[in-house]
Amino acid sequence: MSNDPRSWQNASPADLSHIFPETRSTDPAAAIRRSSDAFPGWSRLTLEARKEALARCRSNIEKNSAPLAELIARETGKPIREARLELQAVTAKFDLTFSDADSLISEKPVTGGPHPAAVRCHPLGPAAVIAPFNFPIHLGHGATVAYLLAGNTVLFKPSPLASNTAAAYAREMQAALPPGVFEPVQGWGETSRSLCLDPAVRAVCFTGSIPVGRSLAKDLATDTSKVLALELGGKNSLVVCADADLDLAAECAADGMCLTAGQRCNATSRILVEKSIAAPFLKKLLASTARYQPGDPLEDSTLLGPLIGLAAHERYERLSSLDCGEWILPGGILEKNPRGQHGWYVLPAIALIHDPAALDASPLAREETFAPILVVETFGSDAEAIARHESWDFGLTASVFTRSDSRFESFAAALSVGNLYRNLPTTFSPSTLPFGGWGASGNSRPGARGFIRHAVREQAVQWRSAP
């Protein structure tokens, strides 16, 4: 018996008096049937025909990017300037994926063997995309375009916290595609589980929490041909060496901590700073963080919007009150923004850690923070910094601030992360590069550039002419 609500209404986290229309749960079985019925016809189209259909999707989204961005800001609390950038990334994803398809899944002749041969790529079947609230269109959209272009049909399951945004996105996609090729599926946890476990669904891309991702991997372990891509978040570190540009490092740390109110899988939640420059760096960090003051996300000047809801608010309150260091920026909860709107607003919080062992035993080390909370440790040598970084079982992003090429390369060889940057925020993850986590952060499959490799299965073909 499912405990999922059959219908619900979201309130804007930026203005709790703004209530969205009712969303009703989708029957996942019916959506899967429609997706399965549409798969043969869609998969038989040529790659060029599928490109043409997806180009129409791109046109629809481009024409409606302004209202879609506003909807993201209203429903999730993401500042409008960030929401507009999300829509730019959404439209750019089409051409990037078209290019990937040409290079990665087109038929390739193979020479040098005993017979003429080729490698061909075939679609998998209906694919479930489980999307998060923080990038309600972009993160699920990247997998969606890759699956569709490769000849799969898609069941798009958004976060229920962004159901209205997802419905608007789905309308633009469905208007340009044959029936059943793109199926939005609204619902909560049980709906996601039903989609992912159904035998007719042949691929799953899940973006979400580590516990849910691990449970999903366990449940799908016996279906060995189903392709599972997991992006499970991180505890992303920024390493500041003594030779770093401290102004740049402080700015990037504050940005990585506070963009989307810290609700990014690649948000900066940890800083390792060399002891000799810790004091001046922290002074600059506090000054840079002061830029991030809660405000109405619909205003262009707002840098810090609210958290997504009550559960996130309670997690922030719990984590920011833990006694494992010195809270040099104590944070705090605001009931309303400067315009008087009631919402889930919080202030950035920074803890300076004096006892690494206490930190390692704390939820601040074991849990993805998903809020503007940062812990700062000091180190005396690069070896110590590397050891501290590797002591946590996450591996999504890290950034090293140094002017030394050799020093950066030394860190690069030792840090176990899927995405490593130099003198950039941990949140700087462009779609032109792959994106995937190691360790507890995922199974290296989700991502930006190149995801289409996980949307097909390869077939080796060789032949000999009859005598």
Protein backbone atom coordinates (compact mmCIF):
# COMPACT_ATOMS: atom_id res chain seq x y z
CA MET A 1 0.00 0.00 0.00
CA SER A 2 1.56 3.29 -1.06
CA ASN A 3 1.81 6.20 1.35
CA ASP A 4 2.29 8.65 -1.49
CA PRO A 5 -0.31 11.42 -1.70
CA ARG A 6 -2.54 11.23 -4.75
CA SER A 7 -2.53 14.99 -5.07
CA TRP A 8 -0.71 17.92 -3.50
CA GLN A 9 -0.11 21.64 -3.78
CA ASN A 10 3.28 23.31 -3.51
CA ALA A 11 3.83 26.63 -1.76
CA SER A 12 6.58 28.91 -2.98
CA PRO A 13 9.51 28.57 -0.54
CA ALA A 14 10.17 32.28 -1.10
CA ASP A 15 6.61 33.36 -0.33
CA LEU A 16 4.55 30.78 1.53
CA SER A 17 1.34 32.65 0.70
CA HIS A 18 1.81 31.79 -2.99
CA ILE A 19 0.13 28.39 -3.52
CA PHE A 20 0.48 26.55 -6.81
CA PRO A 21 -2.33 24.60 -8.52
CA GLU A 22 -2.95 21.02 -7.48
CA THR A 23 -0.72 18.30 -8.93
CA ARG A 24 -2.14 14.81 -9.27
CA SER A 25 -0.07 11.62 -9.22
CA THR A 26 0.38 9.73 -12.47
CA ASP A 27 -0.42 6.04 -12.83
CA PRO A 28 3.10 4.73 -13.52
CA ALA A 29 1.86 1.49 -15.12
CA ALA A 30 -0.20 3.38 -17.69
CA ALA A 31 2.72 5.71 -18.46
CA ILE A 32 5.05 2.74 -18.93
CA ARG A 33 2.59 1.13 -21.36
CA ARG A 34 2.43 4.31 -23.43
CA SER A 35 6.20 4.59 -23.41
CA SER A 36 6.65 0.95 -24.39
CA ASP A 37 4.11 1.26 -27.21
CA ALA A 38 5.89 4.31 -28.59
CA PHE A 39 9.38 2.80 -28.43
CA PRO A 40 9.36 0.68 -31.65
CA GLY A 41 8.33 3.54 -33.91
CA TRP A 42 10.65 6.10 -32.28
CA SER A 43 13.64 3.74 -32.28
CA ARG A 44 13.22 2.97 -36.01
CA LEU A 45 13.53 6.62 -36.98
CA THR A 46 16.86 7.73 -38.33
CA LEU A 47 19.18 9.71 -36.11
CA GLU A 48 18.57 12.76 -38.31
CA ALA A 49 14.81 12.44 -37.90
CA ARG A 50 15.15 12.31 -34.14
CA LYS A 51 17.43 15.36 -34.26
CA GLU A 52 14.78 17.25 -36.19
CA ALA A 53 12.13 16.40 -33.59
CA LEU A 54 14.40 17.42 -30.73
CA ALA A 55 15.30 20.64 -32.51
CA ARG A 56 11.59 21.48 -32.39
CA CYS A 57 11.69 20.81 -28.65
CA ARG A 58 14.61 23.22 -28.36
CA SER A 59 12.69 25.89 -30.27
CA ASN A 60 9.68 25.52 -27.98
CA ILE A 61 11.82 25.86 -24.86
CA GLU A 62 13.72 28.86 -26.24
CA LYS A 63 10.46 30.66 -27.00
CA ASN A 64 9.22 30.06 -23.45
CA SER A 65 12.49 30.41 -21.53
CA ALA A 66 11.43 33.58 -19.69
CA PRO A 67 8.24 32.15 -18.12
CA LEU A 68 10.01 28.85 -17.42
CA ALA A 69 12.80 30.68 -15.56
CA GLU A 70 10.26 32.64 -13.54
CA LEU A 71 8.44 29.42 -12.68
CA ILE A 72 11.69 27.84 -11.46
CA ALA A 73 12.34 30.87 -9.25
CA ARG A 74 8.83 30.86 -7.80
CA GLU A 75 8.53 27.12 -7.18
CA THR A 76 12.05 26.29 -5.96
CA GLY A 77 13.28 29.66 -4.64
CA LYS A 78 16.27 29.71 -6.99
CA PRO A 79 17.32 33.31 -7.74
CA ILE A 80 16.04 34.41 -11.13
CA ARG A 81 19.56 35.08 -12.40
CA GLU A 82 20.42 31.42 -11.72
CA ALA A 83 17.13 30.22 -13.22
CA ARG A 84 17.89 32.05 -16.47
CA LEU A 85 21.30 30.40 -16.62
CA GLU A 86 19.64 27.03 -16.11
CA LEU A 87 17.43 27.62 -19.15
CA GLN A 88 20.48 28.61 -21.19
CA ALA A 89 22.10 25.32 -20.23
CA VAL A 90 18.92 23.45 -21.14
CA THR A 91 18.86 24.82 -24.69
CA ALA A 92 22.61 24.37 -25.13
CA LYS A 93 22.26 20.71 -24.19
CA PHE A 94 20.56 19.89 -27.49
CA ASP A 95 23.46 20.80 -29.78
CA LEU A 96 26.04 19.31 -27.40
CA THR A 97 24.16 16.02 -27.42
CA PHE A 98 23.71 16.11 -31.19
CA SER A 99 27.49 16.38 -31.49
CA ASP A 100 27.98 13.52 -29.01
CA ALA A 101 25.63 11.31 -31.03
CA ASP A 102 27.63 11.89 -34.21
CA SER A 103 30.90 10.91 -32.57
CA LEU A 104 29.85 8.31 -30.01
CA ILE A 105 26.90 6.26 -31.28
CA SER A 106 27.17 6.34 -35.06
CA GLU A 107 28.19 3.07 -36.71
CA LYS A 108 31.96 2.58 -36.75
CA PRO A 109 33.77 0.28 -39.18
CA VAL A 110 36.47 -1.91 -37.66
CA THR A 111 39.53 -2.95 -39.61
CA GLY A 112 42.47 -5.22 -38.88
CA GLY A 113 40.42 -8.26 -37.88
CA PRO A 114 39.87 -11.53 -39.73
CA HIS A 115 36.62 -10.27 -41.35
CA PRO A 116 34.95 -6.97 -42.22
CA ALA A 117 33.28 -5.69 -39.08
CA ALA A 118 31.51 -2.78 -37.46
CA VAL A 119 30.25 -1.64 -34.07
CA ARG A 120 26.63 -0.57 -34.01
CA CYS A 121 24.70 1.08 -31.18
CA HIS A 122 21.13 0.12 -30.37
CA PRO A 123 18.67 1.84 -28.02
CA LEU A 124 17.84 0.22 -24.72
CA GLY A 125 14.09 0.79 -24.48
CA PRO A 126 11.98 2.96 -22.17
CA ALA A 127 14.18 4.95 -19.78
CA ALA A 128 13.23 6.44 -16.41
CA VAL A 129 14.74 9.80 -15.51
CA ILE A 130 14.39 10.70 -11.82
CA ALA A 131 15.10 14.43 -11.58
CA PRO A 132 15.81 16.61 -8.51
CA PHE A 133 14.28 19.93 -7.42
CA ASN A 134 17.46 22.05 -7.44
CA PHE A 135 17.85 22.01 -11.23
CA PRO A 136 14.28 20.92 -11.96
CA ILE A 137 14.72 20.99 -15.73
CA HIS A 138 18.43 20.95 -16.51
CA LEU A 139 19.66 17.87 -14.64
CA GLY A 140 16.93 15.54 -15.84
CA HIS A 141 16.90 17.17 -19.26
CA GLY A 142 20.51 16.20 -20.03
CA ALA A 143 19.75 12.50 -19.66
CA THR A 144 16.40 12.94 -21.40
CA VAL A 145 17.88 14.40 -24.58
CA ALA A 146 20.56 11.70 -24.70
CA TYR A 147 18.06 8.87 -24.23
CA LEU A 148 15.67 10.29 -26.82
CA LEU A 149 18.35 11.00 -29.40
CA ALA A 150 19.66 7.45 -29.03
CA GLY A 151 16.19 6.08 -29.84
CA ASN A 152 14.83 5.40 -26.36
CA THR A 153 11.56 6.70 -24.99
CA VAL A 154 11.60 8.60 -21.68
CA LEU A 155 9.55 8.53 -18.51
CA PHE A 156 10.37 11.83 -16.81
CA LYS A 157 9.79 11.73 -13.05
CA PRO A 158 10.44 15.16 -11.50
CA SER A 159 10.77 16.04 -7.85
CA PRO A 160 7.27 16.60 -6.45
CA LEU A 161 8.65 19.85 -5.02
CA ALA A 162 9.02 21.14 -8.60
CA SER A 163 5.96 19.49 -10.14
CA ASN A 164 4.58 22.63 -11.77
CA THR A 165 7.91 23.52 -13.37
CA ALA A 166 8.22 19.98 -14.69
CA ALA A 167 4.69 20.05 -16.09
CA ALA A 168 5.46 23.24 -18.03
CA TYR A 169 8.68 21.74 -19.39
CA ALA A 170 6.86 18.54 -20.35
CA ARG A 171 4.28 20.48 -22.36
CA GLU A 172 7.02 22.02 -24.52
CA MET A 173 8.65 18.63 -25.08
CA GLN A 174 5.45 16.74 -25.83
CA ALA A 175 4.27 19.37 -28.31
CA ALA A 176 7.17 18.46 -30.60
CA LEU A 177 7.30 14.68 -30.11
CA PRO A 178 5.07 11.73 -31.07
CA PRO A 179 2.66 10.50 -28.36
CA GLY A 180 4.29 8.37 -25.67
CA VAL A 181 7.87 9.27 -26.57
CA PHE A 182 8.17 11.65 -23.60
CA GLU A 183 5.94 10.79 -20.65
CA PRO A 184 5.91 13.02 -17.53
CA VAL A 185 5.21 11.00 -14.40
CA GLN A 186 4.21 12.96 -11.30
CA GLY A 187 4.43 11.44 -7.85
CA TRP A 188 6.56 10.76 -4.80
CA GLY A 189 8.93 8.01 -3.70
CA GLU A 190 6.74 5.01 -4.45
CA THR A 191 6.07 6.28 -7.94
CA SER A 192 9.80 6.55 -8.60
CA ARG A 193 10.34 3.06 -7.25
CA SER A 194 7.58 1.62 -9.43
CA LEU A 195 9.11 3.19 -12.52
CA CYS A 196 12.65 2.08 -11.81
CA LEU A 197 11.81 -1.52 -10.90
CA ASP A 198 9.39 -2.23 -13.73
CA PRO A 199 10.92 -4.83 -16.10
CA ALA A 200 9.81 -2.85 -19.14
CA VAL A 201 12.03 0.07 -18.12
CA ARG A 202 15.50 -0.69 -19.45
CA ALA A 203 17.49 2.29 -18.18
CA VAL A 204 17.37 4.48 -15.08
CA CYS A 205 19.08 7.80 -14.40
CA PHE A 206 18.64 8.77 -10.77
CA THR A 207 19.80 12.05 -9.20
CA GLY A 208 19.21 12.20 -5.47
CA SER A 209 20.30 11.11 -2.03
CA ILE A 210 22.90 8.47 -1.23
CA PRO A 211 20.55 6.22 0.82
CA VAL A 212 17.92 6.12 -1.93
CA GLY A 213 20.53 5.58 -4.63
CA ARG A 214 22.12 2.69 -2.78
CA SER A 215 18.73 1.12 -2.14
CA LEU A 216 17.89 1.42 -5.83
CA ALA A 217 21.19 -0.18 -6.87
CA LYS A 218 20.52 -3.07 -4.51
CA ASP A 219 16.98 -3.59 -5.81
CA LEU A 220 18.15 -3.58 -9.45
CA ALA A 221 21.17 -5.81 -8.92
CA THR A 222 19.44 -8.91 -10.29
CA ASP A 223 18.33 -7.16 -13.50
CA THR A 224 21.82 -7.20 -14.95
CA SER A 225 20.94 -5.73 -18.35
CA LYS A 226 19.20 -2.65 -16.96
CA VAL A 227 21.56 0.32 -17.14
CA LEU A 228 21.64 2.37 -13.93
CA ALA A 229 23.24 5.81 -13.70
CA LEU A 230 23.55 7.34 -10.21
CA GLU A 231 24.44 10.88 -9.20
CA LEU A 232 24.31 10.94 -5.43
CA GLY A 233 25.79 14.24 -4.32
CA GLY A 234 28.92 15.14 -2.43
CA LYS A 235 30.88 16.89 0.30
CA ASN A 236 32.96 18.99 -2.00
CA SER A 237 36.29 20.42 -0.88
CA LEU A 238 38.13 23.57 -1.81
CA VAL A 239 41.88 23.33 -1.07
CA VAL A 240 43.61 26.68 -0.52
CA CYS A 241 47.42 26.59 -0.68
CA ALA A 242 49.71 29.29 0.69
CA ASP A 243 50.60 30.51 -2.80
CA ALA A 244 46.94 30.93 -3.83
CA ASP A 245 45.24 34.15 -4.88
CA LEU A 246 43.32 34.57 -1.62
CA ASP A 247 40.80 37.06 -2.98
CA LEU A 248 39.89 34.67 -5.78
CA ALA A 249 39.78 31.68 -3.43
CA ALA A 250 37.51 33.51 -0.98
CA GLU A 251 35.16 34.62 -3.75
CA CYS A 252 34.93 31.13 -5.22
CA ALA A 253 34.41 29.58 -1.78
CA ALA A 254 31.52 31.92 -1.00
CA ASP A 255 29.97 31.31 -4.42
CA GLY A 256 30.33 27.55 -4.14
CA MET A 257 28.80 27.60 -0.69
CA CYS A 258 25.85 29.91 -1.40
CA LEU A 259 24.70 29.45 -5.00
CA THR A 260 21.21 27.92 -5.01
CA ALA A 261 21.35 28.35 -1.20
CA GLY A 262 23.92 25.54 -1.07
CA GLN A 263 21.42 23.12 -2.60
CA ARG A 264 23.74 21.79 -5.29
CA CYS A 265 25.37 18.40 -5.46
CA ASN A 266 28.66 20.16 -6.23
CA ALA A 267 28.31 22.89 -3.59
CA THR A 268 31.39 23.74 -1.51
CA SER A 269 30.81 22.37 1.98
CA ARG A 270 34.43 22.00 3.12
CA ILE A 271 37.61 24.06 2.92
CA LEU A 272 41.13 22.83 3.60
CA VAL A 273 43.38 25.87 4.02
CA GLU A 274 47.12 25.95 4.64
CA LYS A 275 47.84 27.08 8.21
CA SER A 276 50.22 29.89 7.30
CA ILE A 277 47.53 31.84 5.42
CA ALA A 278 44.43 30.70 7.34
CA ALA A 279 43.86 33.99 9.19
CA PRO A 280 43.95 36.33 6.16
CA PHE A 281 41.99 33.86 4.05
CA LEU A 282 39.20 33.55 6.64
CA LYS A 283 38.96 37.32 6.88
CA LYS A 284 38.49 37.53 3.12
CA LEU A 285 36.04 34.61 3.15
CA LEU A 286 33.79 36.29 5.71
CA ALA A 287 33.86 39.50 3.70
CA SER A 288 32.98 37.71 0.47
CA THR A 289 30.20 35.69 2.09
CA ALA A 290 28.59 38.93 3.27
CA ARG A 291 27.42 39.44 -0.35
CA TYR A 292 24.92 36.63 0.14
CA GLN A 293 21.92 38.05 1.94
CA PRO A 294 18.47 36.44 1.64
CA GLY A 295 16.09 38.14 -0.75
CA ASP A 296 13.17 37.70 -3.10
CA PRO A 297 14.39 35.27 -5.82
CA LEU A 298 12.39 37.15 -8.46
CA GLU A 299 14.57 40.25 -8.03
CA ASP A 300 17.63 40.46 -10.27
CA SER A 301 19.80 41.67 -7.38
CA THR A 302 19.12 38.65 -5.17
CA LEU A 303 22.04 36.25 -4.73
CA LEU A 304 20.65 34.05 -1.93
CA GLY A 305 17.18 32.58 -2.14
CA PRO A 306 15.43 30.34 0.40
CA LEU A 307 15.80 26.64 1.09
CA ILE A 308 13.29 24.42 -0.64
CA GLY A 309 11.05 23.60 2.32
CA LEU A 310 10.51 22.63 5.94
CA ALA A 311 12.64 19.49 5.89
CA ALA A 312 15.61 21.41 4.47
CA HIS A 313 15.03 24.18 7.02
CA GLU A 314 15.10 21.66 9.87
CA ARG A 315 18.27 20.03 8.51
CA TYR A 316 19.98 23.43 8.35
CA GLU A 317 18.95 24.20 11.93
CA ARG A 318 20.28 20.84 13.15
CA LEU A 319 23.60 20.99 11.30
CA SER A 320 24.33 24.63 12.07
CA SER A 321 23.87 24.02 15.80
CA LEU A 322 26.31 21.09 16.09
CA ASP A 323 29.19 21.49 18.53
CA CYS A 324 32.23 20.33 16.60
CA GLY A 325 34.15 23.57 16.15
CA GLU A 326 33.99 27.35 16.38
CA TRP A 327 31.16 28.93 14.41
CA ILE A 328 32.99 31.97 13.06
CA LEU A 329 29.85 32.80 11.07
CA PRO A 330 26.93 31.52 13.15
CA GLY A 331 24.26 31.69 10.46
CA GLY A 332 20.65 31.96 11.46
CA ILE A 333 17.04 31.60 10.37
CA LEU A 334 14.97 34.45 8.96
CA GLU A 335 11.20 34.20 8.97
CA LYS A 336 10.84 36.65 6.09
CA ASN A 337 12.88 38.44 3.43
CA PRO A 338 13.37 42.25 3.23
CA ARG A 339 10.13 42.55 1.26
CA GLY A 340 8.23 40.98 4.14
CA GLN A 341 7.55 37.67 2.38
CA HIS A 342 7.53 34.66 4.68
CA GLY A 343 9.64 31.76 3.46
CA TRP A 344 12.39 29.25 4.29
CA TYR A 345 15.22 31.78 4.51
CA VAL A 346 18.55 31.14 6.23
CA LEU A 347 21.95 32.84 6.53
CA PRO A 348 25.31 31.30 5.57
CA ALA A 349 27.13 29.53 8.42
CA ILE A 350 30.86 28.72 8.70
CA ALA A 351 32.55 26.54 11.32
CA LEU A 352 36.31 26.55 11.97
CA ILE A 353 37.33 23.04 13.00
CA HIS A 354 40.02 22.59 15.65
CA ASP A 355 39.57 18.84 16.19
CA PRO A 356 39.43 16.82 12.93
CA ALA A 357 38.41 13.67 14.80
CA ALA A 358 35.35 15.43 16.18
CA LEU A 359 34.45 16.58 12.69
CA ASP A 360 34.85 13.09 11.26
CA ALA A 361 32.34 11.77 13.79
CA SER A 362 29.86 14.56 13.05
CA PRO A 363 26.95 14.61 10.60
CA LEU A 364 28.74 17.58 9.03
CA ALA A 365 31.18 15.03 7.61
CA ARG A 366 28.83 12.12 7.00
CA GLU A 367 25.83 13.85 5.44
CA GLU A 368 25.39 15.92 2.32
CA THR A 369 24.68 19.38 3.74
CA PHE A 370 22.50 20.83 0.95
CA ALA A 371 22.45 24.22 2.66
CA PRO A 372 24.84 27.20 2.92
CA ILE A 373 26.97 25.60 5.65
CA LEU A 374 30.74 25.30 5.41
CA VAL A 375 33.41 23.68 7.59
CA VAL A 376 37.01 24.91 7.48
CA GLU A 377 40.09 22.87 8.44
CA THR A 378 43.75 23.82 8.35
CA PHE A 379 46.66 21.71 7.09
CA GLY A 380 50.42 21.89 7.41
CA SER A 381 51.51 19.91 4.35
CA ASP A 382 50.06 18.79 1.05
CA ALA A 383 50.24 15.19 2.23
CA GLU A 384 48.13 16.09 5.25
CA ALA A 385 45.58 17.90 3.07
CA ILE A 386 45.33 14.91 0.74
CA ALA A 387 44.92 12.50 3.65
CA ARG A 388 42.17 14.63 5.17
CA HIS A 389 40.36 14.93 1.85
CA GLU A 390 40.53 11.20 1.19
CA SER A 391 39.25 10.34 4.68
CA TRP A 392 35.68 11.14 3.59
CA ASP A 393 33.85 8.73 1.31
CA PHE A 394 32.70 11.26 -1.29
CA GLY A 395 34.13 11.98 -4.71
CA LEU A 396 32.14 14.45 -6.78
CA THR A 397 34.09 17.71 -7.12
CA ALA A 398 37.11 19.43 -5.61
CA SER A 399 39.07 22.57 -6.46
CA VAL A 400 42.70 23.38 -5.67
CA PHE A 401 43.85 26.99 -5.43
CA THR A 402 47.52 27.37 -6.20
CA ARG A 403 49.76 29.24 -8.62
CA SER A 404 52.02 26.19 -9.01
CA ASP A 405 51.48 23.81 -11.92
CA SER A 406 53.44 21.02 -10.25
CA ARG A 407 51.60 21.41 -6.97
CA PHE A 408 48.23 21.22 -8.70
CA GLU A 409 49.28 18.12 -10.62
CA SER A 410 50.37 16.48 -7.37
CA PHE A 411 46.91 17.05 -5.90
CA ALA A 412 45.25 15.99 -9.14
CA ALA A 413 46.99 12.62 -9.04
CA ALA A 414 45.88 11.97 -5.46
CA LEU A 415 42.34 13.31 -5.05
CA SER A 416 39.59 10.77 -5.72
CA VAL A 417 36.98 12.93 -7.42
CA GLY A 418 35.22 12.73 -10.75
CA ASN A 419 35.56 16.47 -11.34
CA LEU A 420 38.70 18.37 -10.39
CA TYR A 421 39.23 22.08 -10.89
CA ARG A 422 42.00 24.60 -10.37
CA ASN A 423 41.27 28.13 -9.16
CA LEU A 424 37.55 27.68 -9.88
CA PRO A 425 34.47 27.12 -7.70
CA THR A 426 33.48 23.51 -7.08
CA THR A 427 30.17 24.46 -8.69
CA PHE A 428 31.76 25.28 -12.05
CA SER A 429 30.60 22.20 -13.97
CA PRO A 430 29.91 23.11 -17.60
CA SER A 431 27.95 20.84 -19.92
CA THR A 432 30.94 20.68 -22.25
CA LEU A 433 32.62 18.24 -19.84
CA PRO A 434 31.56 14.87 -18.41
CA PHE A 435 30.13 14.98 -14.89
CA GLY A 436 29.99 12.04 -12.52
CA GLY A 437 30.90 11.10 -8.98
CA TRP A 438 33.20 8.50 -7.48
CA GLY A 439 32.86 6.68 -4.17
CA ALA A 440 29.64 7.50 -2.34
CA SER A 441 28.91 10.23 -4.88
CA GLY A 442 27.75 7.91 -7.65
CA ASN A 443 28.80 5.32 -10.20
CA SER A 444 30.52 7.68 -12.70
CA ARG A 445 27.73 7.32 -15.24
CA PRO A 446 25.52 10.40 -14.99
CA GLY A 447 26.84 13.49 -16.54
CA ALA A 448 26.94 16.19 -19.05
CA ARG A 449 29.12 15.54 -22.08
CA GLY A 450 29.13 11.95 -23.21
CA PHE A 451 26.12 10.66 -21.30
CA ILE A 452 24.73 9.24 -24.54
CA ARG A 453 27.23 6.38 -24.16
CA HIS A 454 25.00 5.06 -21.37
CA ALA A 455 21.86 5.36 -23.50
CA VAL A 456 22.80 2.58 -25.94
CA ARG A 457 24.13 -0.96 -26.05
CA GLU A 458 26.87 -1.91 -28.45
CA GLN A 459 26.64 -4.72 -30.93
CA ALA A 460 29.72 -6.11 -32.66
CA VAL A 461 28.94 -7.17 -36.23
CA GLN A 462 31.24 -9.07 -38.61
CA TRP A 463 30.55 -10.83 -41.86
CA ARG A 464 31.96 -13.03 -44.59
CA SER A 465 30.67 -13.14 -48.12
CA ALA A 466 29.14 -16.46 -49.18
CA PRO A 467 31.26 -18.46 -51.69
